[in-house]
Amino acid sequence: MRSLFIGAAIIFLAGCSPEPQHLALHVVVAEASALDGRTLTTQGTVRMFEDPEHYWIEDSELNRVGLHGVDFSALVGNEVQVTGRFSASAERGRHLDVTEFVVLSE
């Protein structure tokens, strides 16, 4: 019985690991409310607006997610893969607090 409990606990803890979900940007946008607070990996082209200065990624269908936590000024126009904690709210919109990124095209 004890080994069954330990096995179940290991499976439960493995399911709670902070491994990011890899999702296409259109899925992140469509499922924003359900994904709020989760760690995600997605990709798109870096875009910016100057006043107020802010950055986001978008795909060819103009699905967009804001980027926070990293200076993306040198990467505008590049395709990137980003990982971080996703947030979605009526006040702040959809954004990712980026913890890591990879430049896919320059």
N, C-alpha and C. Protein backbone atom coordinates (compact mmCIF):
# COMPACT_ATOMS: atom_id res chain seq x y z
N MET A 1 0.83 -1.19 0.00
CA MET A 1 0.00 0.00 0.00
C MET A 1 0.87 1.26 0.00
N ARG A 2 1.93 1.23 0.82
CA ARG A 2 2.81 2.40 0.90
C ARG A 2 3.47 2.68 -0.44
N SER A 3 3.92 1.63 -1.15
CA SER A 3 4.57 1.84 -2.46
C SER A 3 3.58 2.40 -3.47
N LEU A 4 2.33 2.02 -3.38
CA LEU A 4 1.30 2.58 -4.25
C LEU A 4 1.14 4.08 -4.00
N PHE A 5 1.13 4.47 -2.71
CA PHE A 5 1.02 5.88 -2.34
C PHE A 5 2.22 6.67 -2.85
N ILE A 6 3.42 6.13 -2.68
CA ILE A 6 4.63 6.82 -3.14
C ILE A 6 4.62 6.95 -4.66
N GLY A 7 4.21 5.90 -5.35
CA GLY A 7 4.12 5.96 -6.81
C GLY A 7 3.13 7.01 -7.27
N ALA A 8 2.00 7.09 -6.62
CA ALA A 8 0.99 8.10 -6.96
C ALA A 8 1.52 9.51 -6.68
N ALA A 9 2.25 9.68 -5.59
CA ALA A 9 2.81 10.98 -5.25
C ALA A 9 3.83 11.42 -6.29
N ILE A 10 4.66 10.49 -6.75
CA ILE A 10 5.66 10.81 -7.78
C ILE A 10 4.98 11.23 -9.07
N ILE A 11 3.96 10.51 -9.47
CA ILE A 11 3.23 10.87 -10.69
C ILE A 11 2.59 12.24 -10.53
N PHE A 12 1.99 12.51 -9.37
CA PHE A 12 1.36 13.81 -9.13
C PHE A 12 2.39 14.93 -9.20
N LEU A 13 3.53 14.76 -8.54
CA LEU A 13 4.57 15.79 -8.54
C LEU A 13 5.16 15.99 -9.93
N ALA A 14 5.30 14.95 -10.71
CA ALA A 14 5.80 15.09 -12.08
C ALA A 14 4.83 15.91 -12.91
N GLY A 15 3.54 15.74 -12.67
CA GLY A 15 2.54 16.51 -13.38
C GLY A 15 2.53 17.97 -12.97
N CYS A 16 3.10 18.30 -11.82
CA CYS A 16 3.13 19.67 -11.33
C CYS A 16 4.44 20.38 -11.66
N SER A 17 5.30 19.73 -12.41
CA SER A 17 6.60 20.34 -12.71
C SER A 17 6.41 21.60 -13.52
N PRO A 18 7.36 22.53 -13.39
CA PRO A 18 7.23 23.80 -14.08
C PRO A 18 7.66 23.75 -15.54
N GLU A 19 7.66 22.57 -16.17
CA GLU A 19 7.99 22.47 -17.59
C GLU A 19 7.00 23.32 -18.38
N PRO A 20 7.51 24.15 -19.27
CA PRO A 20 6.61 25.00 -20.04
C PRO A 20 5.81 24.21 -21.07
N GLN A 21 4.60 24.66 -21.31
CA GLN A 21 3.80 24.11 -22.40
C GLN A 21 4.24 24.79 -23.68
N HIS A 22 4.49 24.02 -24.73
CA HIS A 22 4.84 24.57 -26.04
C HIS A 22 3.55 24.72 -26.84
N LEU A 23 3.18 25.96 -27.14
CA LEU A 23 1.92 26.23 -27.83
C LEU A 23 2.12 27.23 -28.96
N ALA A 24 1.39 27.03 -30.04
CA ALA A 24 1.39 28.02 -31.12
C ALA A 24 0.75 29.31 -30.61
N LEU A 25 1.17 30.42 -31.16
CA LEU A 25 0.69 31.72 -30.70
C LEU A 25 -0.83 31.85 -30.84
N HIS A 26 -1.41 31.33 -31.91
CA HIS A 26 -2.87 31.42 -32.07
C HIS A 26 -3.61 30.65 -30.98
N VAL A 27 -3.01 29.58 -30.46
CA VAL A 27 -3.62 28.81 -29.37
C VAL A 27 -3.53 29.61 -28.07
N VAL A 28 -2.39 30.25 -27.83
CA VAL A 28 -2.24 31.08 -26.63
C VAL A 28 -3.30 32.17 -26.61
N VAL A 29 -3.51 32.82 -27.75
CA VAL A 29 -4.50 33.90 -27.84
C VAL A 29 -5.92 33.35 -27.64
N ALA A 30 -6.23 32.25 -28.29
CA ALA A 30 -7.58 31.68 -28.21
C ALA A 30 -7.91 31.16 -26.81
N GLU A 31 -6.92 30.65 -26.10
CA GLU A 31 -7.13 30.04 -24.79
C GLU A 31 -6.55 30.88 -23.65
N ALA A 32 -6.43 32.18 -23.85
CA ALA A 32 -5.74 33.07 -22.91
C ALA A 32 -6.24 32.93 -21.48
N SER A 33 -7.52 32.94 -21.26
CA SER A 33 -8.06 32.86 -19.89
C SER A 33 -7.66 31.55 -19.21
N ALA A 34 -7.73 30.45 -19.92
CA ALA A 34 -7.40 29.15 -19.35
C ALA A 34 -5.90 29.01 -19.08
N LEU A 35 -5.07 29.76 -19.80
CA LEU A 35 -3.61 29.65 -19.67
C LEU A 35 -3.02 30.65 -18.68
N ASP A 36 -3.84 31.54 -18.14
CA ASP A 36 -3.36 32.57 -17.22
C ASP A 36 -2.58 31.95 -16.06
N GLY A 37 -1.35 32.43 -15.86
CA GLY A 37 -0.52 31.96 -14.76
C GLY A 37 0.37 30.78 -15.10
N ARG A 38 0.25 30.23 -16.28
CA ARG A 38 1.06 29.06 -16.66
C ARG A 38 2.37 29.48 -17.32
N THR A 39 3.33 28.59 -17.28
CA THR A 39 4.59 28.80 -17.97
C THR A 39 4.46 28.24 -19.37
N LEU A 40 4.73 29.09 -20.37
CA LEU A 40 4.53 28.74 -21.77
C LEU A 40 5.77 29.01 -22.60
N THR A 41 5.86 28.30 -23.71
CA THR A 41 6.82 28.60 -24.76
C THR A 41 6.02 28.77 -26.04
N THR A 42 6.29 29.87 -26.74
CA THR A 42 5.63 30.14 -28.01
C THR A 42 6.59 30.92 -28.88
N GLN A 43 6.19 31.25 -30.09
CA GLN A 43 7.10 31.99 -30.95
C GLN A 43 6.34 32.92 -31.87
N GLY A 44 7.06 33.94 -32.35
CA GLY A 44 6.50 34.91 -33.27
C GLY A 44 7.55 35.95 -33.62
N THR A 45 7.13 36.94 -34.39
CA THR A 45 8.01 38.02 -34.82
C THR A 45 7.91 39.17 -33.82
N VAL A 46 9.06 39.69 -33.40
CA VAL A 46 9.09 40.79 -32.44
C VAL A 46 8.67 42.08 -33.14
N ARG A 47 7.73 42.79 -32.53
CA ARG A 47 7.27 44.10 -33.00
C ARG A 47 7.35 45.07 -31.82
N MET A 48 7.27 46.36 -32.13
CA MET A 48 7.33 47.37 -31.06
C MET A 48 6.49 48.58 -31.40
N PHE A 49 6.18 49.34 -30.37
CA PHE A 49 5.53 50.64 -30.48
C PHE A 49 6.33 51.57 -29.59
N GLU A 50 6.58 52.79 -30.07
CA GLU A 50 7.50 53.69 -29.36
C GLU A 50 6.90 54.48 -28.22
N ASP A 51 5.62 54.87 -28.28
CA ASP A 51 5.09 55.76 -27.25
C ASP A 51 3.73 55.30 -26.76
N PRO A 52 3.66 54.64 -25.64
CA PRO A 52 4.76 54.25 -24.75
C PRO A 52 5.47 53.03 -25.34
N GLU A 53 6.77 52.96 -25.09
CA GLU A 53 7.58 51.87 -25.64
C GLU A 53 7.13 50.53 -25.07
N HIS A 54 6.78 49.61 -25.98
CA HIS A 54 6.46 48.25 -25.57
C HIS A 54 6.69 47.31 -26.75
N TYR A 55 6.84 46.04 -26.41
CA TYR A 55 7.18 45.01 -27.39
C TYR A 55 6.19 43.87 -27.31
N TRP A 56 6.02 43.16 -28.42
CA TRP A 56 5.15 41.99 -28.47
C TRP A 56 5.65 41.07 -29.56
N ILE A 57 5.12 39.86 -29.59
CA ILE A 57 5.33 38.97 -30.72
C ILE A 57 4.00 38.80 -31.42
N GLU A 58 4.09 38.55 -32.72
CA GLU A 58 2.88 38.29 -33.49
C GLU A 58 3.17 37.27 -34.56
N ASP A 59 2.09 36.62 -35.04
CA ASP A 59 2.23 35.66 -36.13
C ASP A 59 1.63 36.27 -37.39
N SER A 60 1.57 35.49 -38.45
CA SER A 60 1.08 36.00 -39.73
C SER A 60 -0.40 36.35 -39.70
N GLU A 61 -1.13 35.85 -38.70
CA GLU A 61 -2.56 36.13 -38.56
C GLU A 61 -2.80 37.27 -37.56
N LEU A 62 -1.72 37.95 -37.16
CA LEU A 62 -1.76 39.08 -36.22
C LEU A 62 -2.23 38.71 -34.82
N ASN A 63 -2.04 37.45 -34.43
CA ASN A 63 -2.23 37.07 -33.03
C ASN A 63 -1.05 37.66 -32.28
N ARG A 64 -1.32 38.31 -31.15
CA ARG A 64 -0.28 39.05 -30.44
C ARG A 64 -0.26 38.74 -28.95
N VAL A 65 0.98 38.75 -28.40
CA VAL A 65 1.19 38.61 -26.96
C VAL A 65 2.32 39.57 -26.59
N GLY A 66 2.08 40.41 -25.59
CA GLY A 66 3.09 41.36 -25.13
C GLY A 66 4.26 40.66 -24.46
N LEU A 67 5.42 41.32 -24.49
CA LEU A 67 6.64 40.78 -23.90
C LEU A 67 7.12 41.71 -22.80
N HIS A 68 7.46 41.15 -21.64
CA HIS A 68 8.00 41.90 -20.51
C HIS A 68 9.23 41.17 -19.97
N GLY A 69 10.10 41.91 -19.31
CA GLY A 69 11.20 41.29 -18.60
C GLY A 69 12.52 41.22 -19.33
N VAL A 70 12.52 41.48 -20.64
CA VAL A 70 13.73 41.43 -21.44
C VAL A 70 13.69 42.61 -22.41
N ASP A 71 14.85 43.19 -22.71
CA ASP A 71 14.92 44.28 -23.69
C ASP A 71 14.98 43.66 -25.09
N PHE A 72 13.90 43.80 -25.84
CA PHE A 72 13.82 43.24 -27.18
C PHE A 72 14.12 44.27 -28.27
N SER A 73 14.62 45.46 -27.91
CA SER A 73 14.82 46.54 -28.88
C SER A 73 15.71 46.14 -30.05
N ALA A 74 16.73 45.32 -29.83
CA ALA A 74 17.63 44.92 -30.91
C ALA A 74 17.08 43.76 -31.74
N LEU A 75 15.92 43.23 -31.33
CA LEU A 75 15.36 42.06 -32.02
C LEU A 75 14.10 42.34 -32.81
N VAL A 76 13.71 43.60 -32.93
CA VAL A 76 12.50 43.95 -33.68
C VAL A 76 12.63 43.44 -35.11
N GLY A 77 11.62 42.73 -35.56
CA GLY A 77 11.61 42.15 -36.91
C GLY A 77 12.13 40.73 -36.97
N ASN A 78 12.72 40.24 -35.88
CA ASN A 78 13.24 38.87 -35.84
C ASN A 78 12.21 37.90 -35.30
N GLU A 79 12.30 36.67 -35.76
CA GLU A 79 11.48 35.58 -35.25
C GLU A 79 12.17 35.05 -33.99
N VAL A 80 11.42 34.94 -32.89
CA VAL A 80 11.98 34.44 -31.63
C VAL A 80 11.06 33.38 -31.03
N GLN A 81 11.66 32.53 -30.22
CA GLN A 81 10.91 31.60 -29.38
C GLN A 81 11.11 32.12 -27.96
N VAL A 82 10.01 32.31 -27.24
CA VAL A 82 10.06 32.87 -25.89
C VAL A 82 9.40 31.93 -24.89
N THR A 83 9.95 31.94 -23.67
CA THR A 83 9.40 31.14 -22.58
C THR A 83 9.24 32.05 -21.38
N GLY A 84 8.13 31.89 -20.68
CA GLY A 84 7.90 32.68 -19.48
C GLY A 84 6.51 32.45 -18.92
N ARG A 85 6.21 33.20 -17.89
CA ARG A 85 4.89 33.10 -17.23
C ARG A 85 3.89 33.96 -17.98
N PHE A 86 2.81 33.35 -18.41
CA PHE A 86 1.78 34.03 -19.20
C PHE A 86 0.72 34.62 -18.28
N SER A 87 0.28 35.82 -18.62
CA SER A 87 -0.81 36.47 -17.88
C SER A 87 -1.82 37.01 -18.87
N ALA A 88 -3.06 36.93 -18.50
CA ALA A 88 -4.15 37.48 -19.32
C ALA A 88 -5.14 38.15 -18.39
N SER A 89 -5.41 39.44 -18.64
CA SER A 89 -6.39 40.16 -17.85
C SER A 89 -6.99 41.27 -18.69
N ALA A 90 -8.18 41.70 -18.31
CA ALA A 90 -8.84 42.79 -19.04
C ALA A 90 -8.06 44.09 -18.90
N GLU A 91 -7.39 44.28 -17.76
CA GLU A 91 -6.66 45.53 -17.52
C GLU A 91 -5.33 45.58 -18.27
N ARG A 92 -4.59 44.48 -18.28
CA ARG A 92 -3.24 44.49 -18.85
C ARG A 92 -3.13 43.74 -20.17
N GLY A 93 -4.18 43.08 -20.60
CA GLY A 93 -4.12 42.31 -21.84
C GLY A 93 -3.37 41.00 -21.66
N ARG A 94 -2.86 40.48 -22.79
CA ARG A 94 -2.10 39.23 -22.78
C ARG A 94 -0.61 39.57 -22.81
N HIS A 95 0.16 38.99 -21.90
CA HIS A 95 1.61 39.21 -21.94
C HIS A 95 2.36 38.04 -21.31
N LEU A 96 3.61 37.97 -21.67
CA LEU A 96 4.50 36.94 -21.18
C LEU A 96 5.66 37.60 -20.46
N ASP A 97 5.88 37.22 -19.20
CA ASP A 97 7.06 37.66 -18.45
C ASP A 97 8.19 36.72 -18.84
N VAL A 98 8.99 37.15 -19.78
CA VAL A 98 9.98 36.30 -20.44
C VAL A 98 11.14 35.96 -19.50
N THR A 99 11.45 34.67 -19.41
CA THR A 99 12.59 34.20 -18.62
C THR A 99 13.70 33.70 -19.52
N GLU A 100 13.37 33.30 -20.74
CA GLU A 100 14.38 32.90 -21.70
C GLU A 100 13.84 33.05 -23.11
N PHE A 101 14.75 33.24 -24.05
CA PHE A 101 14.35 33.35 -25.45
C PHE A 101 15.47 32.86 -26.35
N VAL A 102 15.07 32.49 -27.58
CA VAL A 102 16.00 32.05 -28.60
C VAL A 102 15.64 32.78 -29.87
N VAL A 103 16.64 33.37 -30.54
CA VAL A 103 16.41 34.02 -31.83
C VAL A 103 16.40 32.93 -32.89
N LEU A 104 15.29 32.85 -33.65
CA LEU A 104 15.14 31.82 -34.67
C LEU A 104 15.56 32.34 -36.05
N SER A 105 15.40 33.65 -36.28
CA SER A 105 15.83 34.23 -37.56
C SER A 105 16.26 35.67 -37.32
N GLU A 106 17.23 36.10 -38.08
CA GLU A 106 17.72 37.49 -37.96
C GLU A 106 17.57 38.19 -39.28
